[in-house]
Amino acid sequence: MQVNINGIETRYVLSNEGGGPWLTFIHQLGGDLSVWDQLAGYFRDDYTVLRYDVRGHGKTAASSAPFGIADLSHDLATLLDALGAPTTHLVGMSMGGMIAQQFTLDHPTRVDSLTIADSSGGTPQEARATWDQRAATARRDGMVSLVPATLSRWLTPDFQAAHPEAVEQIRDVLTNTLSEGYAMACEALRDFDVRSKLGAIRCPTLTVAGRHDTGTPPASTQAIADAIEGARFELLDAAHLAPIEQSHRFAALLETFLERPV
């Protein structure tokens, strides 16, 4: 399905077989909504599951002007408005986790619970140049040039060897991401920092990290939990895409977390 969100044609998939509470999944940089296929299938009988492509990713159009994570938060709010969702449980991975944090700060009464995987509350000053470099590489050399190093950060060698079909789908999505969409998102991530504000989050929060994540070390995700009162931190035997690499374990954690009384 497509809908115009803040002037951008946006793709989303809504699975509401269960007609239950809203549950929204937000993908990583260089990904799209298909990364959540398995988890969406797991939860759709009990929840109204929403997945969408962030601007400049998948089949969502690129932005005509630079944007920040606050703009991506506004995109999500507008999408939820268009679909008639007053509140939602939020699950965000990597870039999606940053959008989820920003959205929770911007719209605290609309978030039933917050789950953040393999993400951080902000980009340290010393890491900002890395995002500039990735943006420049995408614009100059295209997405193909970024694929090998990205996959090595995202997934462990054991997972890549055992699940070639899953890896191929992730590779295809990354390769076909719009170079400019990717580059502009890199610049948004470079400027993101809500670390001083996380203490204001009051909703139930679960954070999950991959033990072998070199791009976003587990300590970065744990720091989010440490800043939010009552938040829980879990470590999985995975690299950066922990919810995908350890999908069964992540689904069990999320199911238990969502069922706990608020």
C-alpha atoms as a PDB file:
ATOM      1  CA  MET A   1       0.000   0.000   0.000  1.00  0.00           C
ATOM      2  CA  GLN A   2       1.119   3.568  -0.717  1.00  0.00           C
ATOM      3  CA  VAL A   3       0.134   6.798   1.007  1.00  0.00           C
ATOM      4  CA  ASN A   4       1.447  10.342   0.679  1.00  0.00           C
ATOM      5  CA  ILE A   5       3.145  11.311   3.932  1.00  0.00           C
ATOM      6  CA  ASN A   6       4.434  14.870   4.226  1.00  0.00           C
ATOM      7  CA  GLY A   7       4.752  15.060   0.439  1.00  0.00           C
ATOM      8  CA  ILE A   8       6.528  11.706   0.124  1.00  0.00           C
ATOM      9  CA  GLU A   9       4.958   8.598  -1.397  1.00  0.00           C
ATOM     10  CA  THR A  10       5.376   6.040   1.372  1.00  0.00           C
ATOM     11  CA  ARG A  11       4.994   2.256   1.222  1.00  0.00           C
ATOM     12  CA  TYR A  12       3.514   0.414   4.174  1.00  0.00           C
ATOM     13  CA  VAL A  13       2.105  -3.029   4.959  1.00  0.00           C
ATOM     14  CA  LEU A  14      -0.654  -3.462   7.523  1.00  0.00           C
ATOM     15  CA  SER A  15      -1.495  -6.904   8.914  1.00  0.00           C
ATOM     16  CA  ASN A  16      -4.491  -6.801  11.224  1.00  0.00           C
ATOM     17  CA  GLU A  17      -5.816 -10.348  11.224  1.00  0.00           C
ATOM     18  CA  GLY A  18      -5.893 -10.251  15.016  1.00  0.00           C
ATOM     19  CA  GLY A  19      -7.357  -6.769  15.274  1.00  0.00           C
ATOM     20  CA  GLY A  20      -5.363  -6.261  18.457  1.00  0.00           C
ATOM     21  CA  PRO A  21      -3.226  -3.360  19.688  1.00  0.00           C
ATOM     22  CA  TRP A  22      -1.004  -1.609  17.157  1.00  0.00           C
ATOM     23  CA  LEU A  23       2.574  -2.852  16.851  1.00  0.00           C
ATOM     24  CA  THR A  24       4.894  -0.871  14.554  1.00  0.00           C
ATOM     25  CA  PHE A  25       8.270  -2.093  13.262  1.00  0.00           C
ATOM     26  CA  ILE A  26      10.903   0.361  11.931  1.00  0.00           C
ATOM     27  CA  HIS A  27      13.809  -0.954   9.852  1.00  0.00           C
ATOM     28  CA  GLN A  28      17.528  -0.180   9.741  1.00  0.00           C
ATOM     29  CA  LEU A  29      19.537   2.125   7.482  1.00  0.00           C
ATOM     30  CA  GLY A  30      19.799   0.464   4.081  1.00  0.00           C
ATOM     31  CA  GLY A  31      16.867  -1.829   4.819  1.00  0.00           C
ATOM     32  CA  ASP A  32      13.152  -1.893   4.156  1.00  0.00           C
ATOM     33  CA  LEU A  33       9.990  -3.320   5.662  1.00  0.00           C
ATOM     34  CA  SER A  34      10.779  -6.838   4.363  1.00  0.00           C
ATOM     35  CA  VAL A  35      13.397  -7.303   7.082  1.00  0.00           C
ATOM     36  CA  TRP A  36      10.460  -7.768   9.474  1.00  0.00           C
ATOM     37  CA  ASP A  37       8.622 -10.400   7.402  1.00  0.00           C
ATOM     38  CA  GLN A  38       9.147 -13.256   9.838  1.00  0.00           C
ATOM     39  CA  LEU A  39       8.440 -11.264  12.998  1.00  0.00           C
ATOM     40  CA  ALA A  40       5.366  -9.628  11.495  1.00  0.00           C
ATOM     41  CA  GLY A  41       4.006 -13.061  10.698  1.00  0.00           C
ATOM     42  CA  TYR A  42       4.592 -14.151  14.270  1.00  0.00           C
ATOM     43  CA  PHE A  43       2.650 -11.258  15.822  1.00  0.00           C
ATOM     44  CA  ARG A  44      -0.109 -10.550  13.306  1.00  0.00           C
ATOM     45  CA  ASP A  45      -2.669 -12.869  14.903  1.00  0.00           C
ATOM     46  CA  ASP A  46      -2.636 -10.886  18.139  1.00  0.00           C
ATOM     47  CA  TYR A  47      -1.686  -7.383  17.009  1.00  0.00           C
ATOM     48  CA  THR A  48      -2.358  -4.887  14.252  1.00  0.00           C
ATOM     49  CA  VAL A  49       1.126  -4.995  12.766  1.00  0.00           C
ATOM     50  CA  LEU A  50       2.429  -2.019  10.781  1.00  0.00           C
ATOM     51  CA  ARG A  51       5.647  -1.980   8.753  1.00  0.00           C
ATOM     52  CA  TYR A  52       6.751   0.808   6.441  1.00  0.00           C
ATOM     53  CA  ASP A  53       9.694   1.981   4.353  1.00  0.00           C
ATOM     54  CA  VAL A  54      11.459   5.032   5.770  1.00  0.00           C
ATOM     55  CA  ARG A  55      11.872   7.864   3.240  1.00  0.00           C
ATOM     56  CA  GLY A  56      14.522   7.089   0.642  1.00  0.00           C
ATOM     57  CA  HIS A  57      14.351   3.357   1.375  1.00  0.00           C
ATOM     58  CA  GLY A  58      12.547   0.448  -0.256  1.00  0.00           C
ATOM     59  CA  LYS A  59       9.614   1.737  -2.290  1.00  0.00           C
ATOM     60  CA  THR A  60       9.281   5.028  -0.396  1.00  0.00           C
ATOM     61  CA  ALA A  61      10.405   8.071  -2.362  1.00  0.00           C
ATOM     62  CA  ALA A  62      13.502  10.024  -1.429  1.00  0.00           C
ATOM     63  CA  SER A  63      13.298  13.415   0.191  1.00  0.00           C
ATOM     64  CA  SER A  64      13.905  16.493  -1.939  1.00  0.00           C
ATOM     65  CA  ALA A  65      15.664  18.263   0.933  1.00  0.00           C
ATOM     66  CA  PRO A  66      17.908  17.297   3.859  1.00  0.00           C
ATOM     67  CA  PHE A  67      16.129  15.944   6.928  1.00  0.00           C
ATOM     68  CA  GLY A  68      16.794  14.917  10.508  1.00  0.00           C
ATOM     69  CA  ILE A  69      15.565  12.113  12.713  1.00  0.00           C
ATOM     70  CA  ALA A  70      12.892  14.506  14.024  1.00  0.00           C
ATOM     71  CA  ASP A  71      11.493  14.666  10.473  1.00  0.00           C
ATOM     72  CA  LEU A  72      11.401  10.862  10.320  1.00  0.00           C
ATOM     73  CA  SER A  73       9.559  10.889  13.644  1.00  0.00           C
ATOM     74  CA  HIS A  74       7.039  13.296  12.120  1.00  0.00           C
ATOM     75  CA  ASP A  75       6.662  10.976   9.131  1.00  0.00           C
ATOM     76  CA  LEU A  76       5.701   8.157  11.478  1.00  0.00           C
ATOM     77  CA  ALA A  77       3.213  10.344  13.357  1.00  0.00           C
ATOM     78  CA  THR A  78       1.593  11.384  10.081  1.00  0.00           C
ATOM     79  CA  LEU A  79       1.421   7.768   8.894  1.00  0.00           C
ATOM     80  CA  LEU A  80      -0.227   6.647  12.132  1.00  0.00           C
ATOM     81  CA  ASP A  81      -2.708   9.511  11.815  1.00  0.00           C
ATOM     82  CA  ALA A  82      -3.526   8.500   8.245  1.00  0.00           C
ATOM     83  CA  LEU A  83      -4.169   4.923   9.323  1.00  0.00           C
ATOM     84  CA  GLY A  84      -6.210   5.859  12.384  1.00  0.00           C
ATOM     85  CA  ALA A  85      -3.794   4.537  15.011  1.00  0.00           C
ATOM     86  CA  PRO A  86      -4.034   6.550  18.235  1.00  0.00           C
ATOM     87  CA  THR A  87      -1.231   4.647  19.993  1.00  0.00           C
ATOM     88  CA  THR A  88       1.211   1.866  19.162  1.00  0.00           C
ATOM     89  CA  HIS A  89       3.865  -0.416  20.551  1.00  0.00           C
ATOM     90  CA  LEU A  90       7.119   0.579  18.821  1.00  0.00           C
ATOM     91  CA  VAL A  91       9.973  -1.693  17.726  1.00  0.00           C
ATOM     92  CA  GLY A  92      12.964  -0.063  16.055  1.00  0.00           C
ATOM     93  CA  MET A  93      16.258  -1.575  14.918  1.00  0.00           C
ATOM     94  CA  SER A  94      19.420   0.491  14.406  1.00  0.00           C
ATOM     95  CA  MET A  95      18.216   3.646  12.560  1.00  0.00           C
ATOM     96  CA  GLY A  96      14.698   2.482  13.364  1.00  0.00           C
ATOM     97  CA  GLY A  97      15.628   2.522  17.043  1.00  0.00           C
ATOM     98  CA  MET A  98      16.699   6.150  16.751  1.00  0.00           C
ATOM     99  CA  ILE A  99      13.414   7.049  15.075  1.00  0.00           C
ATOM    100  CA  ALA A 100      11.572   5.177  17.829  1.00  0.00           C
ATOM    101  CA  GLN A 101      13.403   7.077  20.559  1.00  0.00           C
ATOM    102  CA  GLN A 102      12.695  10.412  18.889  1.00  0.00           C
ATOM    103  CA  PHE A 103       9.038   9.531  18.344  1.00  0.00           C
ATOM    104  CA  THR A 104       8.631   8.511  21.984  1.00  0.00           C
ATOM    105  CA  LEU A 105      10.074  11.833  23.112  1.00  0.00           C
ATOM    106  CA  ASP A 106       7.969  13.780  20.611  1.00  0.00           C
ATOM    107  CA  HIS A 107       4.705  11.881  21.234  1.00  0.00           C
ATOM    108  CA  PRO A 108       4.929  10.227  24.673  1.00  0.00           C
ATOM    109  CA  THR A 109       1.193   9.602  24.970  1.00  0.00           C
ATOM    110  CA  ARG A 110       1.111   7.667  21.690  1.00  0.00           C
ATOM    111  CA  VAL A 111       3.652   4.993  22.663  1.00  0.00           C
ATOM    112  CA  ASP A 112       2.374   1.956  24.565  1.00  0.00           C
ATOM    113  CA  SER A 113       5.840   0.431  24.847  1.00  0.00           C
ATOM    114  CA  LEU A 114       9.273   0.945  23.320  1.00  0.00           C
ATOM    115  CA  THR A 115      11.628  -1.767  22.059  1.00  0.00           C
ATOM    116  CA  ILE A 116      15.025  -0.705  20.719  1.00  0.00           C
ATOM    117  CA  ALA A 117      17.504  -3.087  19.097  1.00  0.00           C
ATOM    118  CA  ASP A 118      21.138  -2.427  18.203  1.00  0.00           C
ATOM    119  CA  SER A 119      20.885   1.340  18.431  1.00  0.00           C
ATOM    120  CA  SER A 120      22.263   4.314  20.317  1.00  0.00           C
ATOM    121  CA  GLY A 121      20.938   7.485  21.856  1.00  0.00           C
ATOM    122  CA  GLY A 122      23.255   9.669  19.828  1.00  0.00           C
ATOM    123  CA  THR A 123      26.339   9.823  17.643  1.00  0.00           C
ATOM    124  CA  PRO A 124      29.514  10.696  19.569  1.00  0.00           C
ATOM    125  CA  GLN A 125      31.530  13.561  18.151  1.00  0.00           C
ATOM    126  CA  GLU A 126      34.374  11.251  17.171  1.00  0.00           C
ATOM    127  CA  ALA A 127      32.022   9.044  15.098  1.00  0.00           C
ATOM    128  CA  ARG A 128      30.393  11.803  13.055  1.00  0.00           C
ATOM    129  CA  ALA A 129      33.051  11.631  10.324  1.00  0.00           C
ATOM    130  CA  THR A 130      32.173   7.977   9.703  1.00  0.00           C
ATOM    131  CA  TRP A 131      28.651   8.958   8.640  1.00  0.00           C
ATOM    132  CA  ASP A 132      30.032  11.662   6.349  1.00  0.00           C
ATOM    133  CA  GLN A 133      32.326   9.088   4.756  1.00  0.00           C
ATOM    134  CA  ARG A 134      29.503   6.601   4.160  1.00  0.00           C
ATOM    135  CA  ALA A 135      27.306   9.309   2.660  1.00  0.00           C
ATOM    136  CA  ALA A 136      30.127  10.392   0.350  1.00  0.00           C
ATOM    137  CA  THR A 137      30.857   6.806  -0.704  1.00  0.00           C
ATOM    138  CA  ALA A 138      27.198   6.140  -1.514  1.00  0.00           C
ATOM    139  CA  ARG A 139      26.988   9.255  -3.668  1.00  0.00           C
ATOM    140  CA  ARG A 140      30.320   8.697  -5.409  1.00  0.00           C
ATOM    141  CA  ASP A 141      30.498   4.931  -5.864  1.00  0.00           C
ATOM    142  CA  GLY A 142      26.928   3.720  -5.425  1.00  0.00           C
ATOM    143  CA  MET A 143      25.477   1.278  -2.924  1.00  0.00           C
ATOM    144  CA  VAL A 144      27.292  -1.771  -4.314  1.00  0.00           C
ATOM    145  CA  SER A 145      30.546  -0.426  -2.897  1.00  0.00           C
ATOM    146  CA  LEU A 146      29.117  -0.469   0.634  1.00  0.00           C
ATOM    147  CA  VAL A 147      27.592  -3.944   0.609  1.00  0.00           C
ATOM    148  CA  PRO A 148      30.517  -6.227   1.660  1.00  0.00           C
ATOM    149  CA  ALA A 149      31.564  -4.201   4.703  1.00  0.00           C
ATOM    150  CA  THR A 150      27.952  -3.582   5.726  1.00  0.00           C
ATOM    151  CA  LEU A 151      26.972  -7.255   5.642  1.00  0.00           C
ATOM    152  CA  SER A 152      30.054  -8.169   7.658  1.00  0.00           C
ATOM    153  CA  ARG A 153      28.885  -5.747  10.377  1.00  0.00           C
ATOM    154  CA  TRP A 154      25.252  -6.773  10.200  1.00  0.00           C
ATOM    155  CA  LEU A 155      25.471 -10.579  10.346  1.00  0.00           C
ATOM    156  CA  THR A 156      27.901 -13.086  11.838  1.00  0.00           C
ATOM    157  CA  PRO A 157      29.770 -15.453   9.494  1.00  0.00           C
ATOM    158  CA  ASP A 158      27.914 -18.423  10.998  1.00  0.00           C
ATOM    159  CA  PHE A 159      24.519 -16.901  10.198  1.00  0.00           C
ATOM    160  CA  GLN A 160      25.594 -15.964   6.684  1.00  0.00           C
ATOM    161  CA  ALA A 161      26.739 -19.529   6.038  1.00  0.00           C
ATOM    162  CA  ALA A 162      23.620 -21.130   7.515  1.00  0.00           C
ATOM    163  CA  HIS A 163      20.990 -18.821   5.986  1.00  0.00           C
ATOM    164  CA  PRO A 164      22.096 -17.805   2.469  1.00  0.00           C
ATOM    165  CA  GLU A 165      18.525 -17.036   1.311  1.00  0.00           C
ATOM    166  CA  ALA A 166      17.947 -14.572   4.146  1.00  0.00           C
ATOM    167  CA  VAL A 167      21.319 -12.964   3.503  1.00  0.00           C
ATOM    168  CA  GLU A 168      20.564 -12.626  -0.202  1.00  0.00           C
ATOM    169  CA  GLN A 169      17.304 -10.803   0.488  1.00  0.00           C
ATOM    170  CA  ILE A 170      19.021  -8.395   2.866  1.00  0.00           C
ATOM    171  CA  ARG A 171      21.831  -7.866   0.345  1.00  0.00           C
ATOM    172  CA  ASP A 172      19.379  -7.147  -2.457  1.00  0.00           C
ATOM    173  CA  VAL A 173      17.497  -4.556  -0.416  1.00  0.00           C
ATOM    174  CA  LEU A 174      20.732  -2.828   0.598  1.00  0.00           C
ATOM    175  CA  THR A 175      22.082  -2.852  -2.970  1.00  0.00           C
ATOM    176  CA  ASN A 176      18.870  -1.377  -4.357  1.00  0.00           C
ATOM    177  CA  THR A 177      18.503   1.360  -1.742  1.00  0.00           C
ATOM    178  CA  LEU A 178      18.587   4.795  -3.363  1.00  0.00           C
ATOM    179  CA  SER A 179      22.110   6.172  -2.985  1.00  0.00           C
ATOM    180  CA  GLU A 180      20.844   9.660  -2.174  1.00  0.00           C
ATOM    181  CA  GLY A 181      18.239   8.324   0.232  1.00  0.00           C
ATOM    182  CA  TYR A 182      20.944   6.370   2.039  1.00  0.00           C
ATOM    183  CA  ALA A 183      23.341   9.330   2.072  1.00  0.00           C
ATOM    184  CA  MET A 184      20.758  11.737   3.461  1.00  0.00           C
ATOM    185  CA  ALA A 185      19.827   9.233   6.154  1.00  0.00           C
ATOM    186  CA  CYS A 186      23.516   8.905   7.091  1.00  0.00           C
ATOM    187  CA  GLU A 187      23.627  12.662   7.608  1.00  0.00           C
ATOM    188  CA  ALA A 188      20.502  12.495   9.766  1.00  0.00           C
ATOM    189  CA  LEU A 189      22.105   9.790  11.924  1.00  0.00           C
ATOM    190  CA  ARG A 190      25.301  11.847  12.167  1.00  0.00           C
ATOM    191  CA  ASP A 191      23.366  14.693  13.792  1.00  0.00           C
ATOM    192  CA  PHE A 192      21.142  12.583  16.055  1.00  0.00           C
ATOM    193  CA  ASP A 193      21.581  12.941  19.819  1.00  0.00           C
ATOM    194  CA  VAL A 194      18.839  12.533  22.435  1.00  0.00           C
ATOM    195  CA  ARG A 195      21.039  11.107  25.172  1.00  0.00           C
ATOM    196  CA  SER A 196      20.337  13.977  27.554  1.00  0.00           C
ATOM    197  CA  LYS A 197      16.577  13.562  27.067  1.00  0.00           C
ATOM    198  CA  LEU A 198      16.132   9.806  27.517  1.00  0.00           C
ATOM    199  CA  GLY A 199      15.344  10.152  31.213  1.00  0.00           C
ATOM    200  CA  ALA A 200      12.011  11.729  30.215  1.00  0.00           C
ATOM    201  CA  ILE A 201      10.786   8.444  28.676  1.00  0.00           C
ATOM    202  CA  ARG A 202       8.272   6.795  30.982  1.00  0.00           C
ATOM    203  CA  CYS A 203       6.787   3.958  28.925  1.00  0.00           C
ATOM    204  CA  PRO A 204       7.858   0.314  29.396  1.00  0.00           C
ATOM    205  CA  THR A 205      11.139  -0.102  27.504  1.00  0.00           C
ATOM    206  CA  LEU A 206      13.086  -3.120  26.280  1.00  0.00           C
ATOM    207  CA  THR A 207      16.526  -2.792  24.683  1.00  0.00           C
ATOM    208  CA  VAL A 208      18.320  -5.607  22.859  1.00  0.00           C
ATOM    209  CA  ALA A 209      21.861  -5.791  21.497  1.00  0.00           C
ATOM    210  CA  GLY A 210      23.961  -8.259  19.560  1.00  0.00           C
ATOM    211  CA  ARG A 211      27.018  -9.499  21.431  1.00  0.00           C
ATOM    212  CA  HIS A 212      29.106  -9.368  18.227  1.00  0.00           C
ATOM    213  CA  ASP A 213      27.896  -5.969  17.001  1.00  0.00           C
ATOM    214  CA  THR A 214      30.984  -3.959  16.055  1.00  0.00           C
ATOM    215  CA  GLY A 215      29.130  -1.074  14.389  1.00  0.00           C
ATOM    216  CA  THR A 216      26.970  -0.262  17.405  1.00  0.00           C
ATOM    217  CA  PRO A 217      28.654  -1.858  20.406  1.00  0.00           C
ATOM    218  CA  PRO A 218      26.282  -3.397  22.977  1.00  0.00           C
ATOM    219  CA  ALA A 219      27.310  -0.739  25.489  1.00  0.00           C
ATOM    220  CA  SER A 220      25.618   1.889  23.317  1.00  0.00           C
ATOM    221  CA  THR A 221      22.295   0.066  23.490  1.00  0.00           C
ATOM    222  CA  GLN A 222      22.716  -0.683  27.194  1.00  0.00           C
ATOM    223  CA  ALA A 223      23.284   3.033  27.810  1.00  0.00           C
ATOM    224  CA  ILE A 224      19.761   3.693  26.521  1.00  0.00           C
ATOM    225  CA  ALA A 225      18.349   1.240  29.071  1.00  0.00           C
ATOM    226  CA  ASP A 226      20.461   2.760  31.825  1.00  0.00           C
ATOM    227  CA  ALA A 227      19.021   6.200  31.061  1.00  0.00           C
ATOM    228  CA  ILE A 228      15.356   5.110  31.134  1.00  0.00           C
ATOM    229  CA  GLU A 229      13.841   4.231  34.476  1.00  0.00           C
ATOM    230  CA  GLY A 230      12.810   0.573  34.648  1.00  0.00           C
ATOM    231  CA  ALA A 231      14.143  -0.284  31.187  1.00  0.00           C
ATOM    232  CA  ARG A 232      15.399  -3.806  30.521  1.00  0.00           C
ATOM    233  CA  PHE A 233      18.522  -4.791  28.565  1.00  0.00           C
ATOM    234  CA  GLU A 234      19.063  -8.140  26.823  1.00  0.00           C
ATOM    235  CA  LEU A 235      22.142  -9.424  24.992  1.00  0.00           C
ATOM    236  CA  LEU A 236      21.776 -11.893  22.118  1.00  0.00           C
ATOM    237  CA  ASP A 237      24.378 -14.025  20.334  1.00  0.00           C
ATOM    238  CA  ALA A 238      24.296 -12.020  17.113  1.00  0.00           C
ATOM    239  CA  ALA A 239      25.842  -9.119  15.246  1.00  0.00           C
ATOM    240  CA  HIS A 240      24.087  -5.854  14.325  1.00  0.00           C
ATOM    241  CA  LEU A 241      20.765  -7.268  13.087  1.00  0.00           C
ATOM    242  CA  ALA A 242      20.109  -9.183  16.288  1.00  0.00           C
ATOM    243  CA  PRO A 243      16.293  -9.406  15.859  1.00  0.00           C
ATOM    244  CA  ILE A 244      16.844 -11.086  12.498  1.00  0.00           C
ATOM    245  CA  GLU A 245      19.790 -13.306  13.349  1.00  0.00           C
ATOM    246  CA  GLN A 246      18.157 -14.475  16.595  1.00  0.00           C
ATOM    247  CA  SER A 247      14.567 -14.102  15.432  1.00  0.00           C
ATOM    248  CA  HIS A 248      13.076 -16.828  17.626  1.00  0.00           C
ATOM    249  CA  ARG A 249      14.781 -15.570  20.764  1.00  0.00           C
ATOM    250  CA  PHE A 250      13.883 -11.971  19.942  1.00  0.00           C
ATOM    251  CA  ALA A 251      10.251 -12.906  19.269  1.00  0.00           C
ATOM    252  CA  ALA A 252      10.051 -14.681  22.627  1.00  0.00           C
ATOM    253  CA  LEU A 253      11.545 -11.677  24.429  1.00  0.00           C
ATOM    254  CA  LEU A 254       9.212  -9.270  22.674  1.00  0.00           C
ATOM    255  CA  GLU A 255       6.137 -11.434  23.253  1.00  0.00           C
ATOM    256  CA  THR A 256       6.824 -11.657  26.973  1.00  0.00           C
ATOM    257  CA  PHE A 257       7.573  -7.944  27.180  1.00  0.00           C
ATOM    258  CA  LEU A 258       4.396  -6.924  25.334  1.00  0.00           C
ATOM    259  CA  GLU A 259       2.226  -9.118  27.524  1.00  0.00           C
ATOM    260  CA  ARG A 260       3.391  -7.646  30.799  1.00  0.00           C
ATOM    261  CA  PRO A 261       0.921  -5.244  32.438  1.00  0.00           C
ATOM    262  CA  VAL A 262       1.606  -1.554  31.984  1.00  0.00           C
END
